[in-house]
Amino acid sequence: MIDLQYHDIRPGKGLYYKLEESDAVDRIVTTTNLEGDLRPPKDTRGTSGALCLQRYSDEIVSASWDSVIFD
C-alpha cells in the first residue's frame, strides 16, 4: 500500500507530496523541467493510451501499461 501511495501523482494526495510538505524529502526536479517529458514517444503504445485518455477520459474505467478499459 505504501508503494501505491508514494506513486500517487495527485498533488496533496500522494505520499511523496506529504513527505515534501513536511520537509522529509528534497525536490530535485521542478515541474518546468518535466514538461517536455510528459509526451510519450510517437512509436510506443503509450501514444495510443495517452490519446485515449485525452479524448475519452469520461468513458475510461481503468488504464495500465498494457490496456485501456472503457465503460
N, C-alpha and C. Protein backbone atom coordinates (compact mmCIF):
# COMPACT_ATOMS: atom_id res chain seq x y z
N MET A 1 0.81 -1.19 0.00
CA MET A 1 0.00 0.00 0.00
C MET A 1 0.86 1.27 0.00
N ILE A 2 1.97 1.23 0.74
CA ILE A 2 2.86 2.39 0.77
C ILE A 2 3.40 2.69 -0.62
N ASP A 3 3.74 1.64 -1.38
CA ASP A 3 4.26 1.83 -2.73
C ASP A 3 3.22 2.53 -3.60
N LEU A 4 1.98 2.13 -3.51
CA LEU A 4 0.92 2.76 -4.30
C LEU A 4 0.70 4.21 -3.87
N GLN A 5 0.70 4.46 -2.57
CA GLN A 5 0.51 5.82 -2.09
C GLN A 5 1.67 6.73 -2.49
N TYR A 6 2.89 6.20 -2.47
CA TYR A 6 4.05 7.00 -2.85
C TYR A 6 3.96 7.41 -4.32
N HIS A 7 3.47 6.52 -5.17
CA HIS A 7 3.44 6.79 -6.60
C HIS A 7 2.15 7.45 -7.07
N ASP A 8 1.27 7.81 -6.15
CA ASP A 8 0.08 8.58 -6.49
C ASP A 8 0.55 9.98 -6.87
N ILE A 9 0.32 10.37 -8.13
CA ILE A 9 0.89 11.62 -8.64
C ILE A 9 -0.01 12.83 -8.41
N ARG A 10 -1.12 12.64 -7.72
CA ARG A 10 -2.01 13.78 -7.46
C ARG A 10 -1.42 14.64 -6.33
N PRO A 11 -1.17 15.93 -6.61
CA PRO A 11 -0.63 16.81 -5.56
C PRO A 11 -1.55 16.81 -4.35
N GLY A 12 -0.96 16.72 -3.18
CA GLY A 12 -1.74 16.73 -1.95
C GLY A 12 -2.29 15.37 -1.55
N LYS A 13 -2.22 14.39 -2.45
CA LYS A 13 -2.76 13.05 -2.16
C LYS A 13 -1.65 12.02 -1.99
N GLY A 14 -0.67 12.06 -2.86
CA GLY A 14 0.39 11.07 -2.83
C GLY A 14 1.31 11.21 -1.63
N LEU A 15 1.86 10.09 -1.19
CA LEU A 15 2.76 10.07 -0.04
C LEU A 15 3.98 10.96 -0.27
N TYR A 16 4.50 10.99 -1.50
CA TYR A 16 5.65 11.84 -1.79
C TYR A 16 5.34 13.30 -1.46
N TYR A 17 4.16 13.77 -1.87
CA TYR A 17 3.80 15.16 -1.63
C TYR A 17 3.65 15.46 -0.14
N LYS A 18 3.13 14.47 0.60
CA LYS A 18 3.03 14.64 2.06
C LYS A 18 4.42 14.73 2.68
N LEU A 19 5.35 13.90 2.21
CA LEU A 19 6.73 13.95 2.71
C LEU A 19 7.39 15.27 2.34
N GLU A 20 7.12 15.76 1.14
CA GLU A 20 7.69 17.03 0.69
C GLU A 20 7.18 18.19 1.56
N GLU A 21 5.88 18.17 1.88
CA GLU A 21 5.30 19.22 2.71
C GLU A 21 5.95 19.29 4.09
N SER A 22 6.36 18.13 4.60
CA SER A 22 6.96 18.09 5.94
C SER A 22 8.49 18.18 5.89
N ASP A 23 9.04 18.53 4.72
CA ASP A 23 10.49 18.68 4.52
C ASP A 23 11.26 17.38 4.78
N ALA A 24 10.61 16.23 4.58
CA ALA A 24 11.28 14.94 4.77
C ALA A 24 12.02 14.50 3.50
N VAL A 25 11.71 15.13 2.36
CA VAL A 25 12.42 14.84 1.11
C VAL A 25 12.74 16.17 0.43
N ASP A 26 13.73 16.15 -0.43
CA ASP A 26 14.10 17.34 -1.20
C ASP A 26 13.73 17.13 -2.65
N ARG A 27 13.04 18.07 -3.22
CA ARG A 27 12.68 18.00 -4.64
C ARG A 27 13.88 18.45 -5.46
N ILE A 28 14.30 17.61 -6.42
CA ILE A 28 15.47 17.96 -7.22
C ILE A 28 15.12 18.32 -8.67
N VAL A 29 13.87 18.06 -9.08
CA VAL A 29 13.43 18.39 -10.43
C VAL A 29 12.15 19.21 -10.30
N THR A 30 12.07 20.32 -11.03
CA THR A 30 10.86 21.14 -10.98
C THR A 30 9.87 20.69 -12.06
N THR A 31 8.64 21.10 -11.91
CA THR A 31 7.61 20.77 -12.89
C THR A 31 8.00 21.32 -14.26
N THR A 32 8.61 22.48 -14.29
CA THR A 32 9.05 23.08 -15.55
C THR A 32 10.05 22.17 -16.27
N ASN A 33 10.95 21.53 -15.52
CA ASN A 33 11.91 20.62 -16.13
C ASN A 33 11.25 19.42 -16.77
N LEU A 34 10.09 19.03 -16.28
CA LEU A 34 9.43 17.82 -16.73
C LEU A 34 8.47 18.02 -17.90
N GLU A 35 8.09 19.24 -18.18
CA GLU A 35 7.05 19.49 -19.17
C GLU A 35 7.32 18.83 -20.52
N GLY A 36 8.54 18.85 -20.99
CA GLY A 36 8.86 18.22 -22.27
C GLY A 36 8.84 16.70 -22.20
N ASP A 37 8.94 16.14 -21.02
CA ASP A 37 8.97 14.69 -20.86
C ASP A 37 7.60 14.07 -20.67
N LEU A 38 6.54 14.85 -20.68
CA LEU A 38 5.21 14.33 -20.43
C LEU A 38 4.57 13.71 -21.68
N ARG A 39 5.16 13.92 -22.82
CA ARG A 39 4.62 13.34 -24.05
C ARG A 39 5.27 11.99 -24.32
N PRO A 40 4.45 10.95 -24.59
CA PRO A 40 5.04 9.65 -24.90
C PRO A 40 5.70 9.66 -26.28
N PRO A 41 6.73 8.85 -26.49
CA PRO A 41 7.33 8.74 -27.82
C PRO A 41 6.27 8.29 -28.83
N LYS A 42 6.35 8.79 -30.05
CA LYS A 42 5.33 8.52 -31.06
C LYS A 42 5.26 7.05 -31.49
N ASP A 43 6.31 6.29 -31.27
CA ASP A 43 6.33 4.90 -31.76
C ASP A 43 6.10 3.88 -30.64
N THR A 44 5.37 4.26 -29.58
CA THR A 44 5.12 3.33 -28.48
C THR A 44 3.63 3.22 -28.21
N ARG A 45 3.25 2.20 -27.44
CA ARG A 45 1.83 2.05 -27.08
C ARG A 45 1.38 3.16 -26.14
N GLY A 46 2.33 3.86 -25.53
CA GLY A 46 1.98 4.99 -24.67
C GLY A 46 1.26 6.08 -25.43
N THR A 47 1.57 6.24 -26.71
CA THR A 47 0.92 7.25 -27.53
C THR A 47 -0.57 6.97 -27.66
N SER A 48 -0.93 5.73 -28.00
CA SER A 48 -2.35 5.41 -28.16
C SER A 48 -3.07 5.48 -26.82
N GLY A 49 -2.41 5.06 -25.74
CA GLY A 49 -3.03 5.16 -24.42
C GLY A 49 -3.27 6.61 -24.02
N ALA A 50 -2.29 7.47 -24.30
CA ALA A 50 -2.42 8.89 -23.97
C ALA A 50 -3.53 9.53 -24.79
N LEU A 51 -3.64 9.18 -26.07
CA LEU A 51 -4.71 9.72 -26.90
C LEU A 51 -6.08 9.29 -26.39
N CYS A 52 -6.19 8.04 -25.98
CA CYS A 52 -7.45 7.56 -25.41
C CYS A 52 -7.82 8.35 -24.16
N LEU A 53 -6.84 8.56 -23.29
CA LEU A 53 -7.10 9.30 -22.05
C LEU A 53 -7.49 10.75 -22.33
N GLN A 54 -6.88 11.35 -23.34
CA GLN A 54 -7.21 12.73 -23.68
C GLN A 54 -8.61 12.84 -24.28
N ARG A 55 -8.95 11.94 -25.17
CA ARG A 55 -10.21 12.05 -25.91
C ARG A 55 -11.40 11.42 -25.22
N TYR A 56 -11.19 10.35 -24.47
CA TYR A 56 -12.30 9.57 -23.93
C TYR A 56 -12.22 9.39 -22.41
N SER A 57 -11.66 10.34 -21.70
CA SER A 57 -11.42 10.16 -20.27
C SER A 57 -12.70 9.86 -19.48
N ASP A 58 -13.84 10.40 -19.89
CA ASP A 58 -15.10 10.14 -19.18
C ASP A 58 -15.57 8.71 -19.33
N GLU A 59 -15.15 8.03 -20.38
CA GLU A 59 -15.59 6.66 -20.63
C GLU A 59 -14.60 5.60 -20.16
N ILE A 60 -13.44 6.01 -19.66
CA ILE A 60 -12.40 5.05 -19.27
C ILE A 60 -12.58 4.66 -17.81
N VAL A 61 -12.61 3.33 -17.59
CA VAL A 61 -12.75 2.79 -16.24
C VAL A 61 -11.39 2.56 -15.61
N SER A 62 -10.43 2.10 -16.42
CA SER A 62 -9.11 1.76 -15.91
C SER A 62 -8.09 1.86 -17.04
N ALA A 63 -6.87 2.19 -16.66
CA ALA A 63 -5.77 2.24 -17.64
C ALA A 63 -4.52 1.71 -16.97
N SER A 64 -3.74 0.95 -17.71
CA SER A 64 -2.48 0.42 -17.19
C SER A 64 -1.45 0.45 -18.31
N TRP A 65 -0.29 -0.13 -18.04
CA TRP A 65 0.76 -0.18 -19.06
C TRP A 65 0.33 -0.99 -20.27
N ASP A 66 -0.57 -1.95 -20.07
CA ASP A 66 -0.91 -2.89 -21.13
C ASP A 66 -2.29 -2.68 -21.73
N SER A 67 -3.16 -1.94 -21.09
CA SER A 67 -4.54 -1.85 -21.60
C SER A 67 -5.24 -0.58 -21.13
N VAL A 68 -6.30 -0.25 -21.88
CA VAL A 68 -7.23 0.80 -21.50
C VAL A 68 -8.61 0.16 -21.54
N ILE A 69 -9.34 0.26 -20.43
CA ILE A 69 -10.65 -0.39 -20.34
C ILE A 69 -11.72 0.71 -20.35
N PHE A 70 -12.66 0.58 -21.31
CA PHE A 70 -13.74 1.54 -21.47
C PHE A 70 -15.01 0.98 -20.84
N ASP A 71 -15.87 1.89 -20.39
CA ASP A 71 -17.16 1.51 -19.84
C ASP A 71 -18.15 1.34 -20.99
